[in-house]
Amino acid sequence: MSTAITKLSEIQEKALEVIEQVQEPVVGAVKTAAEKASEVVPELPNFPFGEDFPTPTELLANQYEFVLKVLEQQKKFADALIAAVAPVSTKLVVVPEAKPARKAAAKKAA
């Protein structure tokens, strides 16, 4: 893995940590508000065809499944585009070959 990708991965991990830290208190606040609201919001009567509607959990699962399919399709598309421009991009972007790791330990032992 290149140094740039390693650094990018580190930044991405830190970003995910920050997002998680921000989300935790939001979930706590929403939970508290929902508990308070549940004390004053009355139960609604069942309405016709109510069982035809998805639960929030079902809806979320459905949407995430769709999004994952879209992301996979977009990755395939992006990979195909990279392959399509390879004859030109390899001439414009020069990536040095990785140098073999030095065997410092072997030299010291000798």
Protein backbone atom coordinates (compact mmCIF):
# COMPACT_ATOMS: atom_id res chain seq x y z
CA MET A 1 0.00 0.00 0.00
CA SER A 2 1.36 3.41 -0.92
CA THR A 3 2.26 6.00 1.70
CA ALA A 4 -0.51 8.27 0.41
CA ILE A 5 -3.14 5.55 0.76
CA THR A 6 -1.88 4.69 4.24
CA LYS A 7 -2.17 8.33 5.29
CA LEU A 8 -5.59 8.64 3.64
CA SER A 9 -6.79 5.53 5.49
CA GLU A 10 -5.60 7.00 8.80
CA ILE A 11 -7.50 10.23 8.12
CA GLN A 12 -10.60 8.28 7.16
CA GLU A 13 -10.46 6.27 10.39
CA LYS A 14 -10.14 9.46 12.43
CA ALA A 15 -13.11 10.94 10.57
CA LEU A 16 -15.19 7.86 11.39
CA GLU A 17 -14.20 8.16 15.06
CA VAL A 18 -15.29 11.81 15.14
CA ILE A 19 -18.59 10.96 13.45
CA GLU A 20 -19.24 8.25 16.02
CA GLN A 21 -18.39 10.60 18.89
CA VAL A 22 -20.84 13.18 17.54
CA GLN A 23 -23.57 10.60 16.98
CA GLU A 24 -23.52 9.12 20.49
CA PRO A 25 -24.87 12.22 22.29
CA VAL A 26 -27.41 12.79 19.51
CA VAL A 27 -28.82 9.28 20.00
CA GLY A 28 -28.92 9.89 23.75
CA ALA A 29 -30.78 13.18 23.33
CA VAL A 30 -33.28 11.69 20.88
CA LYS A 31 -33.87 8.74 23.22
CA THR A 32 -34.54 11.09 26.14
CA ALA A 33 -36.90 13.22 24.04
CA ALA A 34 -38.74 10.12 22.77
CA GLU A 35 -39.18 8.79 26.30
CA LYS A 36 -40.64 12.13 27.43
CA ALA A 37 -42.88 12.36 24.35
CA SER A 38 -44.15 8.81 24.86
CA GLU A 39 -45.62 9.95 28.17
CA VAL A 40 -47.87 12.53 26.49
CA VAL A 41 -48.50 11.17 22.98
CA PRO A 42 -51.68 9.06 22.93
CA GLU A 43 -51.94 5.68 21.26
CA LEU A 44 -53.47 5.98 17.81
CA PRO A 45 -56.15 3.56 16.69
CA ASN A 46 -55.26 0.98 14.10
CA PHE A 47 -56.09 2.14 10.62
CA PRO A 48 -57.04 0.02 7.61
CA PHE A 49 -54.12 -1.44 5.69
CA GLY A 50 -51.70 -0.46 8.45
CA GLU A 51 -50.00 -3.84 8.21
CA ASP A 52 -49.08 -3.00 4.60
CA PHE A 53 -46.66 -0.31 5.76
CA PRO A 54 -43.10 -1.22 6.73
CA THR A 55 -41.74 -0.66 10.20
CA PRO A 56 -38.94 1.90 10.51
CA THR A 57 -36.49 -0.97 10.94
CA GLU A 58 -37.73 -2.72 7.79
CA LEU A 59 -37.58 0.52 5.82
CA LEU A 60 -34.04 1.25 6.99
CA ALA A 61 -32.87 -2.28 6.13
CA ASN A 62 -34.45 -2.01 2.68
CA GLN A 63 -32.82 1.34 1.96
CA TYR A 64 -29.39 0.24 3.15
CA GLU A 65 -29.60 -2.87 1.00
CA PHE A 66 -30.39 -0.66 -1.99
CA VAL A 67 -27.58 1.79 -1.19
CA LEU A 68 -25.07 -1.06 -0.90
CA LYS A 69 -26.14 -2.31 -4.34
CA VAL A 70 -25.76 1.19 -5.77
CA LEU A 71 -22.28 1.53 -4.25
CA GLU A 72 -21.22 -1.85 -5.64
CA GLN A 73 -22.55 -0.90 -9.08
CA GLN A 74 -20.73 2.45 -8.94
CA LYS A 75 -17.48 0.73 -7.94
CA LYS A 76 -17.75 -1.57 -10.96
CA PHE A 77 -18.45 1.48 -13.14
CA ALA A 78 -15.45 3.37 -11.74
CA ASP A 79 -13.20 0.31 -12.16
CA ALA A 80 -14.34 0.01 -15.78
CA LEU A 81 -13.60 3.70 -16.39
CA ILE A 82 -10.11 3.35 -14.88
CA ALA A 83 -9.46 0.37 -17.12
CA ALA A 84 -10.79 2.27 -20.14
CA VAL A 85 -8.44 5.22 -19.64
CA ALA A 86 -5.43 3.08 -18.69
CA PRO A 87 -3.73 3.44 -22.11
CA VAL A 88 -3.58 7.21 -21.55
CA SER A 89 -3.38 7.48 -17.76
CA THR A 90 -0.33 5.23 -17.53
CA LYS A 91 1.50 7.72 -19.76
CA LEU A 92 0.39 10.75 -17.75
CA VAL A 93 0.75 9.49 -14.18
CA VAL A 94 4.07 7.89 -13.43
CA VAL A 95 4.00 5.69 -10.35
CA PRO A 96 7.42 4.49 -9.28
CA GLU A 97 7.75 0.79 -8.69
CA ALA A 98 7.93 -0.27 -5.06
CA LYS A 99 11.48 -0.87 -3.94
CA PRO A 100 12.17 -4.19 -2.25
CA ALA A 101 12.47 -3.94 1.51
CA ARG A 102 16.04 -3.67 2.71
CA LYS A 103 17.30 -6.58 4.71
CA ALA A 104 19.05 -4.65 7.47
CA ALA A 105 18.68 -7.47 9.96
CA ALA A 106 20.35 -9.93 7.59
CA LYS A 107 23.31 -7.58 7.11
CA LYS A 108 23.79 -7.13 10.86
CA ALA A 109 23.73 -10.90 11.42
CA ALA A 110 26.44 -11.47 8.78
